[in-house]
């Protein structure tokens, strides 16, 4: 069984920073892509940033230059460094990863972590 557990959310002031972490655990054989999504109240979930197995990255236009995604393959962990936060970044942030076990390749989601940007 594979699990993704996020941490690092909370309250930040505009212009502040937060660092989200997402650790994968379980019977993992390989981790392919790792993504961060956000879902604001009343809106659909949208991609914030993604990182491939080779380290290639992509970002939503709204966060480019402010957020940085990285991964530690030895720890099966993906990070999202969020700088210069804005009130519109307020949302629940979800970790998503494509993970292979010995018998399956599936898409997994974490439970989400709340990020609130407010003065």
PDB file of N, CA and C in Angstrom:
ATOM      1  N   UNK A   1       0.841  -1.192   0.000  1.00  0.00           N
ATOM      2  CA  UNK A   1       0.000   0.000   0.000  1.00  0.00           C
ATOM      3  C   UNK A   1       0.874   1.238   0.000  1.00  0.00           C
ATOM      4  N   UNK A   2       0.496   2.212  -0.803  1.00  0.00           N
ATOM      5  CA  UNK A   2       1.280   3.442  -0.939  1.00  0.00           C
ATOM      6  C   UNK A   2       0.500   4.613  -0.352  1.00  0.00           C
ATOM      7  N   UNK A   3       1.201   5.460   0.363  1.00  0.00           N
ATOM      8  CA  UNK A   3       0.598   6.667   0.928  1.00  0.00           C
ATOM      9  C   UNK A   3       1.433   7.887   0.610  1.00  0.00           C
ATOM     10  N   UNK A   4       0.753   9.021   0.435  1.00  0.00           N
ATOM     11  CA  UNK A   4       1.412  10.323   0.321  1.00  0.00           C
ATOM     12  C   UNK A   4       0.945  11.171   1.491  1.00  0.00           C
ATOM     13  N   UNK A   5       1.895  11.734   2.223  1.00  0.00           N
ATOM     14  CA  UNK A   5       1.554  12.547   3.383  1.00  0.00           C
ATOM     15  C   UNK A   5       2.198  13.917   3.239  1.00  0.00           C
ATOM     16  N   UNK A   6       1.343  14.958   3.189  1.00  0.00           N
ATOM     17  CA  UNK A   6       1.836  16.324   3.071  1.00  0.00           C
ATOM     18  C   UNK A   6       2.032  16.943   4.442  1.00  0.00           C
ATOM     19  N   UNK A   7       2.925  17.920   4.495  1.00  0.00           N
ATOM     20  CA  UNK A   7       3.133  18.715   5.703  1.00  0.00           C
ATOM     21  C   UNK A   7       3.663  20.078   5.304  1.00  0.00           C
ATOM     22  N   UNK A   8       3.616  21.019   6.250  1.00  0.00           N
ATOM     23  CA  UNK A   8       4.221  22.325   6.018  1.00  0.00           C
ATOM     24  C   UNK A   8       3.255  23.448   5.724  1.00  0.00           C
ATOM     25  N   UNK A   9       1.978  23.149   5.617  1.00  0.00           N
ATOM     26  CA  UNK A   9       1.017  24.223   5.385  1.00  0.00           C
ATOM     27  C   UNK A   9       0.826  25.063   6.634  1.00  0.00           C
ATOM     28  N   UNK A  10       0.051  26.124   6.478  1.00  0.00           N
ATOM     29  CA  UNK A  10      -0.216  26.995   7.620  1.00  0.00           C
ATOM     30  C   UNK A  10      -0.564  28.393   7.177  1.00  0.00           C
ATOM     31  N   UNK A  11      -0.371  29.321   8.097  1.00  0.00           N
ATOM     32  CA  UNK A  11      -0.697  30.720   7.854  1.00  0.00           C
ATOM     33  C   UNK A  11       0.574  31.512   7.569  1.00  0.00           C
ATOM     34  N   UNK A  12       0.541  32.312   6.528  1.00  0.00           N
ATOM     35  CA  UNK A  12       1.671  33.175   6.197  1.00  0.00           C
ATOM     36  C   UNK A  12       1.149  34.560   5.836  1.00  0.00           C
ATOM     37  N   UNK A  13       1.972  35.559   6.042  1.00  0.00           N
ATOM     38  CA  UNK A  13       1.612  36.916   5.649  1.00  0.00           C
ATOM     39  C   UNK A  13       1.943  37.133   4.184  1.00  0.00           C
ATOM     40  N   UNK A  14       1.259  38.033   3.539  1.00  0.00           N
ATOM     41  CA  UNK A  14       1.641  38.374   2.154  1.00  0.00           C
ATOM     42  C   UNK A  14       3.122  38.747   2.085  1.00  0.00           C
ATOM     43  N   UNK A  15       3.795  38.192   1.092  1.00  0.00           N
ATOM     44  CA  UNK A  15       5.234  38.394   0.955  1.00  0.00           C
ATOM     45  C   UNK A  15       6.062  37.372   1.711  1.00  0.00           C
ATOM     46  N   UNK A  16       5.409  36.555   2.504  1.00  0.00           N
ATOM     47  CA  UNK A  16       6.110  35.554   3.286  1.00  0.00           C
ATOM     48  C   UNK A  16       6.377  34.276   2.515  1.00  0.00           C
ATOM     49  N   UNK A  17       6.882  33.277   3.221  1.00  0.00           N
ATOM     50  CA  UNK A  17       7.265  32.007   2.607  1.00  0.00           C
ATOM     51  C   UNK A  17       6.743  30.835   3.413  1.00  0.00           C
ATOM     52  N   UNK A  18       6.505  29.756   2.711  1.00  0.00           N
ATOM     53  CA  UNK A  18       6.207  28.462   3.314  1.00  0.00           C
ATOM     54  C   UNK A  18       6.870  27.383   2.474  1.00  0.00           C
ATOM     55  N   UNK A  19       7.173  26.259   3.109  1.00  0.00           N
ATOM     56  CA  UNK A  19       7.726  25.122   2.392  1.00  0.00           C
ATOM     57  C   UNK A  19       6.861  23.901   2.664  1.00  0.00           C
ATOM     58  N   UNK A  20       6.288  23.362   1.605  1.00  0.00           N
ATOM     59  CA  UNK A  20       5.490  22.155   1.718  1.00  0.00           C
ATOM     60  C   UNK A  20       6.355  20.931   1.423  1.00  0.00           C
ATOM     61  N   UNK A  21       6.057  19.842   2.121  1.00  0.00           N
ATOM     62  CA  UNK A  21       6.724  18.570   1.877  1.00  0.00           C
ATOM     63  C   UNK A  21       5.673  17.498   1.645  1.00  0.00           C
ATOM     64  N   UNK A  22       6.032  16.515   0.852  1.00  0.00           N
ATOM     65  CA  UNK A  22       5.137  15.379   0.615  1.00  0.00           C
ATOM     66  C   UNK A  22       6.008  14.131   0.542  1.00  0.00           C
ATOM     67  N   UNK A  23       5.805  13.231   1.487  1.00  0.00           N
ATOM     68  CA  UNK A  23       6.594  12.015   1.561  1.00  0.00           C
ATOM     69  C   UNK A  23       5.755  10.822   1.133  1.00  0.00           C
ATOM     70  N   UNK A  24       6.319  10.028   0.243  1.00  0.00           N
ATOM     71  CA  UNK A  24       5.659   8.801  -0.194  1.00  0.00           C
ATOM     72  C   UNK A  24       6.219   7.630   0.598  1.00  0.00           C
ATOM     73  N   UNK A  25       5.331   6.728   0.994  1.00  0.00           N
ATOM     74  CA  UNK A  25       5.765   5.556   1.754  1.00  0.00           C
ATOM     75  C   UNK A  25       4.978   4.335   1.293  1.00  0.00           C
ATOM     76  N   UNK A  26       5.524   3.173   1.621  1.00  0.00           N
ATOM     77  CA  UNK A  26       4.853   1.935   1.244  1.00  0.00           C
ATOM     78  C   UNK A  26       5.738   1.096   0.351  1.00  0.00           C
ATOM     79  N   UNK A  27       5.104   0.187  -0.372  1.00  0.00           N
ATOM     80  CA  UNK A  27       5.834  -0.760  -1.228  1.00  0.00           C
ATOM     81  C   UNK A  27       6.149  -0.114  -2.578  1.00  0.00           C
ATOM     82  N   UNK A  28       7.072   0.848  -2.544  1.00  0.00           N
ATOM     83  CA  UNK A  28       7.394   1.641  -3.731  1.00  0.00           C
ATOM     84  C   UNK A  28       8.542   1.022  -4.496  1.00  0.00           C
ATOM     85  N   UNK A  29       8.329   0.834  -5.800  1.00  0.00           N
ATOM     86  CA  UNK A  29       9.398   0.371  -6.673  1.00  0.00           C
ATOM     87  C   UNK A  29      10.004   1.548  -7.431  1.00  0.00           C
ATOM     88  N   UNK A  30       9.146   2.446  -7.890  1.00  0.00           N
ATOM     89  CA  UNK A  30       9.627   3.611  -8.626  1.00  0.00           C
ATOM     90  C   UNK A  30       8.615   4.752  -8.511  1.00  0.00           C
ATOM     91  N   UNK A  31       9.144   5.982  -8.540  1.00  0.00           N
ATOM     92  CA  UNK A  31       8.276   7.165  -8.553  1.00  0.00           C
ATOM     93  C   UNK A  31       8.563   7.928  -9.835  1.00  0.00           C
ATOM     94  N   UNK A  32       7.552   8.186 -10.593  1.00  0.00           N
ATOM     95  CA  UNK A  32       7.709   8.873 -11.869  1.00  0.00           C
ATOM     96  C   UNK A  32       7.482  10.364 -11.651  1.00  0.00           C
ATOM     97  N   UNK A  33       6.384  10.894 -12.086  1.00  0.00           N
ATOM     98  CA  UNK A  33       6.138  12.311 -11.900  1.00  0.00           C
ATOM     99  C   UNK A  33       5.686  12.579 -10.464  1.00  0.00           C
ATOM    100  N   UNK A  34       5.939  13.803  -9.988  1.00  0.00           N
ATOM    101  CA  UNK A  34       5.435  14.274  -8.697  1.00  0.00           C
ATOM    102  C   UNK A  34       4.931  15.693  -8.915  1.00  0.00           C
ATOM    103  N   UNK A  35       3.724  15.948  -8.502  1.00  0.00           N
ATOM    104  CA  UNK A  35       3.078  17.238  -8.752  1.00  0.00           C
ATOM    105  C   UNK A  35       2.519  17.833  -7.477  1.00  0.00           C
ATOM    106  N   UNK A  36       2.317  19.119  -7.512  1.00  0.00           N
ATOM    107  CA  UNK A  36       1.544  19.845  -6.517  1.00  0.00           C
ATOM    108  C   UNK A  36       0.359  20.505  -7.227  1.00  0.00           C
ATOM    109  N   UNK A  37      -0.821  20.320  -6.651  1.00  0.00           N
ATOM    110  CA  UNK A  37      -2.041  20.966  -7.123  1.00  0.00           C
ATOM    111  C   UNK A  37      -2.578  21.845  -6.003  1.00  0.00           C
ATOM    112  N   UNK A  38      -3.402  22.806  -6.356  1.00  0.00           N
ATOM    113  CA  UNK A  38      -4.130  23.559  -5.351  1.00  0.00           C
ATOM    114  C   UNK A  38      -5.620  23.578  -5.697  1.00  0.00           C
ATOM    115  N   UNK A  39      -6.417  23.720  -4.655  1.00  0.00           N
ATOM    116  CA  UNK A  39      -7.862  23.865  -4.846  1.00  0.00           C
ATOM    117  C   UNK A  39      -8.369  24.953  -3.909  1.00  0.00           C
ATOM    118  N   UNK A  40      -8.778  26.062  -4.490  1.00  0.00           N
ATOM    119  CA  UNK A  40      -9.338  27.160  -3.721  1.00  0.00           C
ATOM    120  C   UNK A  40     -10.839  26.909  -3.527  1.00  0.00           C
ATOM    121  N   UNK A  41     -11.430  27.508  -2.503  1.00  0.00           N
ATOM    122  CA  UNK A  41     -12.860  27.296  -2.240  1.00  0.00           C
ATOM    123  C   UNK A  41     -13.726  27.616  -3.450  1.00  0.00           C
ATOM    124  N   UNK A  42     -14.574  26.672  -3.826  1.00  0.00           N
ATOM    125  CA  UNK A  42     -15.490  26.881  -4.932  1.00  0.00           C
ATOM    126  C   UNK A  42     -14.879  26.762  -6.309  1.00  0.00           C
ATOM    127  N   UNK A  43     -13.613  26.360  -6.359  1.00  0.00           N
ATOM    128  CA  UNK A  43     -12.926  26.254  -7.657  1.00  0.00           C
ATOM    129  C   UNK A  43     -12.419  24.841  -7.880  1.00  0.00           C
ATOM    130  N   UNK A  44     -12.076  24.559  -9.129  1.00  0.00           N
ATOM    131  CA  UNK A  44     -11.543  23.243  -9.463  1.00  0.00           C
ATOM    132  C   UNK A  44     -10.070  23.137  -9.083  1.00  0.00           C
ATOM    133  N   UNK A  45      -9.633  21.915  -8.892  1.00  0.00           N
ATOM    134  CA  UNK A  45      -8.233  21.670  -8.585  1.00  0.00           C
ATOM    135  C   UNK A  45      -7.391  22.002  -9.818  1.00  0.00           C
ATOM    136  N   UNK A  46      -6.251  22.680  -9.582  1.00  0.00           N
ATOM    137  CA  UNK A  46      -5.396  23.048 -10.705  1.00  0.00           C
ATOM    138  C   UNK A  46      -3.938  22.772 -10.396  1.00  0.00           C
ATOM    139  N   UNK A  47      -3.183  22.503 -11.439  1.00  0.00           N
ATOM    140  CA  UNK A  47      -1.762  22.185 -11.291  1.00  0.00           C
ATOM    141  C   UNK A  47      -0.976  23.436 -10.922  1.00  0.00           C
ATOM    142  N   UNK A  48      -0.133  23.302  -9.919  1.00  0.00           N
ATOM    143  CA  UNK A  48       0.751  24.396  -9.504  1.00  0.00           C
ATOM    144  C   UNK A  48       2.147  24.181 -10.086  1.00  0.00           C
ATOM    145  N   UNK A  49       2.675  22.977  -9.875  1.00  0.00           N
ATOM    146  CA  UNK A  49       4.028  22.669 -10.330  1.00  0.00           C
ATOM    147  C   UNK A  49       4.182  21.163 -10.420  1.00  0.00           C
ATOM    148  N   UNK A  50       5.097  20.737 -11.308  1.00  0.00           N
ATOM    149  CA  UNK A  50       5.362  19.321 -11.462  1.00  0.00           C
ATOM    150  C   UNK A  50       6.836  19.079 -11.707  1.00  0.00           C
ATOM    151  N   UNK A  51       7.299  17.886 -11.342  1.00  0.00           N
ATOM    152  CA  UNK A  51       8.689  17.516 -11.560  1.00  0.00           C
ATOM    153  C   UNK A  51       8.736  16.069 -12.008  1.00  0.00           C
ATOM    154  N   UNK A  52       9.496  15.823 -13.081  1.00  0.00           N
ATOM    155  CA  UNK A  52       9.607  14.479 -13.603  1.00  0.00           C
ATOM    156  C   UNK A  52      10.716  13.693 -12.937  1.00  0.00           C
ATOM    157  N   UNK A  53      10.846  12.440 -13.354  1.00  0.00           N
ATOM    158  CA  UNK A  53      11.845  11.563 -12.744  1.00  0.00           C
ATOM    159  C   UNK A  53      13.274  12.011 -13.045  1.00  0.00           C
ATOM    160  N   UNK A  54      13.448  12.772 -14.126  1.00  0.00           N
ATOM    161  CA  UNK A  54      14.781  13.267 -14.480  1.00  0.00           C
ATOM    162  C   UNK A  54      15.045  14.658 -13.922  1.00  0.00           C
ATOM    163  N   UNK A  55      14.049  15.215 -13.234  1.00  0.00           N
ATOM    164  CA  UNK A  55      14.218  16.533 -12.640  1.00  0.00           C
ATOM    165  C   UNK A  55      13.655  17.682 -13.459  1.00  0.00           C
ATOM    166  N   UNK A  56      13.071  17.380 -14.603  1.00  0.00           N
ATOM    167  CA  UNK A  56      12.458  18.447 -15.394  1.00  0.00           C
ATOM    168  C   UNK A  56      11.253  19.003 -14.651  1.00  0.00           C
ATOM    169  N   UNK A  57      11.076  20.312 -14.733  1.00  0.00           N
ATOM    170  CA  UNK A  57      10.017  20.968 -13.970  1.00  0.00           C
ATOM    171  C   UNK A  57       9.094  21.772 -14.881  1.00  0.00           C
ATOM    172  N   UNK A  58       7.893  22.017 -14.370  1.00  0.00           N
ATOM    173  CA  UNK A  58       6.943  22.893 -15.033  1.00  0.00           C
ATOM    174  C   UNK A  58       6.139  23.610 -13.956  1.00  0.00           C
ATOM    175  N   UNK A  59       5.708  24.819 -14.299  1.00  0.00           N
ATOM    176  CA  UNK A  59       4.999  25.655 -13.333  1.00  0.00           C
ATOM    177  C   UNK A  59       3.799  26.327 -13.973  1.00  0.00           C
ATOM    178  N   UNK A  60       2.783  26.563 -13.153  1.00  0.00           N
ATOM    179  CA  UNK A  60       1.681  27.410 -13.586  1.00  0.00           C
ATOM    180  C   UNK A  60       2.211  28.836 -13.727  1.00  0.00           C
ATOM    181  N   UNK A  61       1.664  29.569 -14.664  1.00  0.00           N
ATOM    182  CA  UNK A  61       2.128  30.931 -14.913  1.00  0.00           C
ATOM    183  C   UNK A  61       2.001  31.804 -13.661  1.00  0.00           C
ATOM    184  N   UNK A  62       1.000  31.522 -12.847  1.00  0.00           N
ATOM    185  CA  UNK A  62       0.730  32.356 -11.675  1.00  0.00           C
ATOM    186  C   UNK A  62       1.780  32.214 -10.582  1.00  0.00           C
ATOM    187  N   UNK A  63       2.575  31.154 -10.617  1.00  0.00           N
ATOM    188  CA  UNK A  63       3.558  30.935  -9.554  1.00  0.00           C
ATOM    189  C   UNK A  63       4.996  30.965 -10.065  1.00  0.00           C
ATOM    190  N   UNK A  64       5.180  31.051 -11.367  1.00  0.00           N
ATOM    191  CA  UNK A  64       6.526  31.013 -11.939  1.00  0.00           C
ATOM    192  C   UNK A  64       7.360  32.170 -11.378  1.00  0.00           C
ATOM    193  N   UNK A  65       8.553  31.846 -10.914  1.00  0.00           N
ATOM    194  CA  UNK A  65       9.418  32.860 -10.330  1.00  0.00           C
ATOM    195  C   UNK A  65       9.223  33.032  -8.838  1.00  0.00           C
ATOM    196  N   UNK A  66       8.151  32.471  -8.292  1.00  0.00           N
ATOM    197  CA  UNK A  66       7.892  32.578  -6.850  1.00  0.00           C
ATOM    198  C   UNK A  66       7.975  31.219  -6.156  1.00  0.00           C
ATOM    199  N   UNK A  67       7.546  30.161  -6.837  1.00  0.00           N
ATOM    200  CA  UNK A  67       7.534  28.826  -6.253  1.00  0.00           C
ATOM    201  C   UNK A  67       8.609  27.975  -6.920  1.00  0.00           C
ATOM    202  N   UNK A  68       9.192  27.052  -6.148  1.00  0.00           N
ATOM    203  CA  UNK A  68      10.182  26.124  -6.669  1.00  0.00           C
ATOM    204  C   UNK A  68       9.844  24.711  -6.210  1.00  0.00           C
ATOM    205  N   UNK A  69       9.730  23.803  -7.165  1.00  0.00           N
ATOM    206  CA  UNK A  69       9.484  22.398  -6.840  1.00  0.00           C
ATOM    207  C   UNK A  69      10.806  21.642  -6.913  1.00  0.00           C
ATOM    208  N   UNK A  70      11.001  20.711  -5.993  1.00  0.00           N
ATOM    209  CA  UNK A  70      12.204  19.880  -5.995  1.00  0.00           C
ATOM    210  C   UNK A  70      11.845  18.522  -5.415  1.00  0.00           C
ATOM    211  N   UNK A  71      12.736  17.565  -5.612  1.00  0.00           N
ATOM    212  CA  UNK A  71      12.465  16.235  -5.073  1.00  0.00           C
ATOM    213  C   UNK A  71      13.755  15.613  -4.561  1.00  0.00           C
ATOM    214  N   UNK A  72      13.610  14.789  -3.540  1.00  0.00           N
ATOM    215  CA  UNK A  72      14.722  14.016  -2.979  1.00  0.00           C
ATOM    216  C   UNK A  72      14.358  12.551  -3.206  1.00  0.00           C
ATOM    217  N   UNK A  73      14.967  11.958  -4.218  1.00  0.00           N
ATOM    218  CA  UNK A  73      14.598  10.589  -4.570  1.00  0.00           C
ATOM    219  C   UNK A  73      14.977   9.594  -3.475  1.00  0.00           C
ATOM    220  N   UNK A  74      16.021   9.877  -2.735  1.00  0.00           N
ATOM    221  CA  UNK A  74      16.440   8.965  -1.658  1.00  0.00           C
ATOM    222  C   UNK A  74      15.399   8.928  -0.541  1.00  0.00           C
ATOM    223  N   UNK A  75      14.669  10.026  -0.394  1.00  0.00           N
ATOM    224  CA  UNK A  75      13.655  10.114   0.660  1.00  0.00           C
ATOM    225  C   UNK A  75      12.239   9.970   0.115  1.00  0.00           C
ATOM    226  N   UNK A  76      12.110   9.755  -1.197  1.00  0.00           N
ATOM    227  CA  UNK A  76      10.776   9.661  -1.814  1.00  0.00           C
ATOM    228  C   UNK A  76       9.907  10.861  -1.458  1.00  0.00           C
ATOM    229  N   UNK A  77      10.511  12.034  -1.510  1.00  0.00           N
ATOM    230  CA  UNK A  77       9.845  13.245  -1.042  1.00  0.00           C
ATOM    231  C   UNK A  77       9.911  14.341  -2.106  1.00  0.00           C
ATOM    232  N   UNK A  78       8.818  15.073  -2.229  1.00  0.00           N
ATOM    233  CA  UNK A  78       8.781  16.239  -3.103  1.00  0.00           C
ATOM    234  C   UNK A  78       8.495  17.464  -2.244  1.00  0.00           C
ATOM    235  N   UNK A  79       9.094  18.581  -2.614  1.00  0.00           N
ATOM    236  CA  UNK A  79       8.961  19.823  -1.860  1.00  0.00           C
ATOM    237  C   UNK A  79       8.387  20.909  -2.760  1.00  0.00           C
ATOM    238  N   UNK A  80       7.747  21.880  -2.130  1.00  0.00           N
ATOM    239  CA  UNK A  80       7.322  23.077  -2.830  1.00  0.00           C
ATOM    240  C   UNK A  80       7.704  24.271  -1.965  1.00  0.00           C
ATOM    241  N   UNK A  81       8.729  24.991  -2.392  1.00  0.00           N
ATOM    242  CA  UNK A  81       9.141  26.215  -1.715  1.00  0.00           C
ATOM    243  C   UNK A  81       8.328  27.362  -2.284  1.00  0.00           C
ATOM    244  N   UNK A  82       7.569  28.009  -1.420  1.00  0.00           N
ATOM    245  CA  UNK A  82       6.678  29.080  -1.855  1.00  0.00           C
ATOM    246  C   UNK A  82       7.151  30.397  -1.261  1.00  0.00           C
ATOM    247  N   UNK A  83       7.606  31.297  -2.114  1.00  0.00           N
ATOM    248  CA  UNK A  83       8.084  32.610  -1.687  1.00  0.00           C
ATOM    249  C   UNK A  83       7.173  33.707  -2.210  1.00  0.00           C
ATOM    250  N   UNK A  84       7.301  34.878  -1.612  1.00  0.00           N
ATOM    251  CA  UNK A  84       6.498  36.034  -2.024  1.00  0.00           C
ATOM    252  C   UNK A  84       5.021  35.656  -2.148  1.00  0.00           C
ATOM    253  N   UNK A  85       4.510  35.032  -1.102  1.00  0.00           N
ATOM    254  CA  UNK A  85       3.130  34.549  -1.133  1.00  0.00           C
ATOM    255  C   UNK A  85       2.142  35.690  -1.262  1.00  0.00           C
ATOM    256  N   UNK A  86       1.043  35.396  -1.946  1.00  0.00           N
ATOM    257  CA  UNK A  86      -0.026  36.359  -2.173  1.00  0.00           C
ATOM    258  C   UNK A  86      -1.336  35.803  -1.611  1.00  0.00           C
ATOM    259  N   UNK A  87      -2.264  36.661  -1.254  1.00  0.00           N
ATOM    260  CA  UNK A  87      -3.552  36.156  -0.735  1.00  0.00           C
ATOM    261  C   UNK A  87      -4.227  35.176  -1.693  1.00  0.00           C
ATOM    262  N   UNK A  88      -4.036  35.369  -2.980  1.00  0.00           N
ATOM    263  CA  UNK A  88      -4.667  34.458  -3.951  1.00  0.00           C
ATOM    264  C   UNK A  88      -4.028  33.081  -3.999  1.00  0.00           C
ATOM    265  N   UNK A  89      -2.929  32.886  -3.264  1.00  0.00           N
ATOM    266  CA  UNK A  89      -2.327  31.552  -3.141  1.00  0.00           C
ATOM    267  C   UNK A  89      -3.063  30.710  -2.096  1.00  0.00           C
ATOM    268  N   UNK A  90      -3.975  31.325  -1.362  1.00  0.00           N
ATOM    269  CA  UNK A  90      -4.722  30.613  -0.331  1.00  0.00           C
ATOM    270  C   UNK A  90      -5.539  29.483  -0.951  1.00  0.00           C
ATOM    271  N   UNK A  91      -5.302  28.269  -0.456  1.00  0.00           N
ATOM    272  CA  UNK A  91      -5.961  27.091  -1.009  1.00  0.00           C
ATOM    273  C   UNK A  91      -5.529  25.867  -0.203  1.00  0.00           C
ATOM    274  N   UNK A  92      -6.161  24.749  -0.502  1.00  0.00           N
ATOM    275  CA  UNK A  92      -5.656  23.458  -0.036  1.00  0.00           C
ATOM    276  C   UNK A  92      -4.705  22.944  -1.117  1.00  0.00           C
ATOM    277  N   UNK A  93      -3.523  22.566  -0.695  1.00  0.00           N
ATOM    278  CA  UNK A  93      -2.497  22.072  -1.621  1.00  0.00           C
ATOM    279  C   UNK A  93      -2.413  20.555  -1.511  1.00  0.00           C
ATOM    280  N   UNK A  94      -2.440  19.897  -2.669  1.00  0.00           N
ATOM    281  CA  UNK A  94      -2.416  18.445  -2.739  1.00  0.00           C
ATOM    282  C   UNK A  94      -1.168  17.954  -3.466  1.00  0.00           C
ATOM    283  N   UNK A  95      -0.595  16.912  -2.935  1.00  0.00           N
ATOM    284  CA  UNK A  95       0.510  16.227  -3.579  1.00  0.00           C
ATOM    285  C   UNK A  95      -0.057  15.105  -4.440  1.00  0.00           C
ATOM    286  N   UNK A  96       0.554  14.905  -5.605  1.00  0.00           N
ATOM    287  CA  UNK A  96       0.115  13.870  -6.543  1.00  0.00           C
ATOM    288  C   UNK A  96       1.355  13.221  -7.136  1.00  0.00           C
ATOM    289  N   UNK A  97       1.340  11.892  -7.268  1.00  0.00           N
ATOM    290  CA  UNK A  97       2.514  11.218  -7.812  1.00  0.00           C
ATOM    291  C   UNK A  97       2.119   9.961  -8.570  1.00  0.00           C
ATOM    292  N   UNK A  98       2.869   9.670  -9.586  1.00  0.00           N
ATOM    293  CA  UNK A  98       2.733   8.408 -10.303  1.00  0.00           C
ATOM    294  C   UNK A  98       3.749   7.437  -9.742  1.00  0.00           C
ATOM    295  N   UNK A  99       3.258   6.375  -9.118  1.00  0.00           N
ATOM    296  CA  UNK A  99       4.127   5.459  -8.362  1.00  0.00           C
ATOM    297  C   UNK A  99       3.926   4.031  -8.822  1.00  0.00           C
ATOM    298  N   UNK A 100       5.034   3.352  -9.049  1.00  0.00           N
ATOM    299  CA  UNK A 100       4.988   1.953  -9.413  1.00  0.00           C
ATOM    300  C   UNK A 100       5.381   1.054  -8.255  1.00  0.00           C
ATOM    301  N   UNK A 101       4.607   0.010  -8.082  1.00  0.00           N
ATOM    302  CA  UNK A 101       5.017  -1.046  -7.165  1.00  0.00           C
ATOM    303  C   UNK A 101       5.529  -2.199  -8.030  1.00  0.00           C
ATOM    304  N   UNK A 102       5.706  -3.363  -7.464  1.00  0.00           N
ATOM    305  CA  UNK A 102       6.171  -4.495  -8.260  1.00  0.00           C
ATOM    306  C   UNK A 102       5.109  -4.965  -9.251  1.00  0.00           C
ATOM    307  N   UNK A 103       3.838  -4.646  -8.965  1.00  0.00           N
ATOM    308  CA  UNK A 103       2.759  -5.180  -9.791  1.00  0.00           C
ATOM    309  C   UNK A 103       1.880  -4.124 -10.433  1.00  0.00           C
ATOM    310  N   UNK A 104       1.955  -2.868  -9.982  1.00  0.00           N
ATOM    311  CA  UNK A 104       1.021  -1.857 -10.504  1.00  0.00           C
ATOM    312  C   UNK A 104       1.720  -0.527 -10.741  1.00  0.00           C
ATOM    313  N   UNK A 105       1.075   0.316 -11.519  1.00  0.00           N
ATOM    314  CA  UNK A 105       1.496   1.703 -11.699  1.00  0.00           C
ATOM    315  C   UNK A 105       0.238   2.547 -11.557  1.00  0.00           C
ATOM    316  N   UNK A 106       0.193   3.353 -10.498  1.00  0.00           N
ATOM    317  CA  UNK A 106      -1.024   4.112 -10.204  1.00  0.00           C
ATOM    318  C   UNK A 106      -0.713   5.558  -9.897  1.00  0.00           C
ATOM    319  N   UNK A 107      -1.775   6.324  -9.906  1.00  0.00           N
ATOM    320  CA  UNK A 107      -1.764   7.744  -9.596  1.00  0.00           C
ATOM    321  C   UNK A 107      -2.233   7.890  -8.148  1.00  0.00           C
ATOM    322  N   UNK A 108      -1.426   8.523  -7.297  1.00  0.00           N
ATOM    323  CA  UNK A 108      -1.768   8.654  -5.887  1.00  0.00           C
ATOM    324  C   UNK A 108      -1.904  10.114  -5.500  1.00  0.00           C
ATOM    325  N   UNK A 109      -2.750  10.366  -4.481  1.00  0.00           N
ATOM    326  CA  UNK A 109      -2.981  11.717  -3.970  1.00  0.00           C
ATOM    327  C   UNK A 109      -2.810  11.745  -2.454  1.00  0.00           C
ATOM    328  N   UNK A 110      -2.283  12.842  -1.961  1.00  0.00           N
ATOM    329  CA  UNK A 110      -2.243  13.064  -0.529  1.00  0.00           C
ATOM    330  C   UNK A 110      -3.566  13.632  -0.042  1.00  0.00           C
ATOM    331  N   UNK A 111      -3.625  13.859   1.271  1.00  0.00           N
ATOM    332  CA  UNK A 111      -4.886  14.306   1.880  1.00  0.00           C
ATOM    333  C   UNK A 111      -5.064  15.813   1.810  1.00  0.00           C
ATOM    334  N   UNK A 112      -4.021  16.518   1.457  1.00  0.00           N
ATOM    335  CA  UNK A 112      -4.099  17.968   1.328  1.00  0.00           C
ATOM    336  C   UNK A 112      -3.615  18.693   2.573  1.00  0.00           C
ATOM    337  N   UNK A 113      -3.053  19.870   2.365  1.00  0.00           N
ATOM    338  CA  UNK A 113      -2.623  20.727   3.464  1.00  0.00           C
ATOM    339  C   UNK A 113      -3.060  22.156   3.167  1.00  0.00           C
ATOM    340  N   UNK A 114      -3.612  22.809   4.177  1.00  0.00           N
ATOM    341  CA  UNK A 114      -4.166  24.152   3.987  1.00  0.00           C
ATOM    342  C   UNK A 114      -3.061  25.195   4.025  1.00  0.00           C
ATOM    343  N   UNK A 115      -3.081  26.078   3.059  1.00  0.00           N
ATOM    344  CA  UNK A 115      -2.203  27.250   3.035  1.00  0.00           C
ATOM    345  C   UNK A 115      -3.097  28.486   3.028  1.00  0.00           C
ATOM    346  N   UNK A 116      -2.886  29.356   4.006  1.00  0.00           N
ATOM    347  CA  UNK A 116      -3.656  30.586   4.101  1.00  0.00           C
ATOM    348  C   UNK A 116      -2.696  31.765   4.121  1.00  0.00           C
ATOM    349  N   UNK A 117      -2.890  32.692   3.199  1.00  0.00           N
ATOM    350  CA  UNK A 117      -2.049  33.882   3.116  1.00  0.00           C
ATOM    351  C   UNK A 117      -2.919  35.087   3.455  1.00  0.00           C
ATOM    352  N   UNK A 118      -2.609  35.692   4.592  1.00  0.00           N
ATOM    353  CA  UNK A 118      -3.438  36.790   5.072  1.00  0.00           C
ATOM    354  C   UNK A 118      -2.647  37.641   6.052  1.00  0.00           C
ATOM    355  N   UNK A 119      -2.945  38.921   6.062  1.00  0.00           N
ATOM    356  CA  UNK A 119      -2.311  39.806   7.026  1.00  0.00           C
ATOM    357  C   UNK A 119      -3.178  39.940   8.273  1.00  0.00           C
TER     358      UNK A 119
END
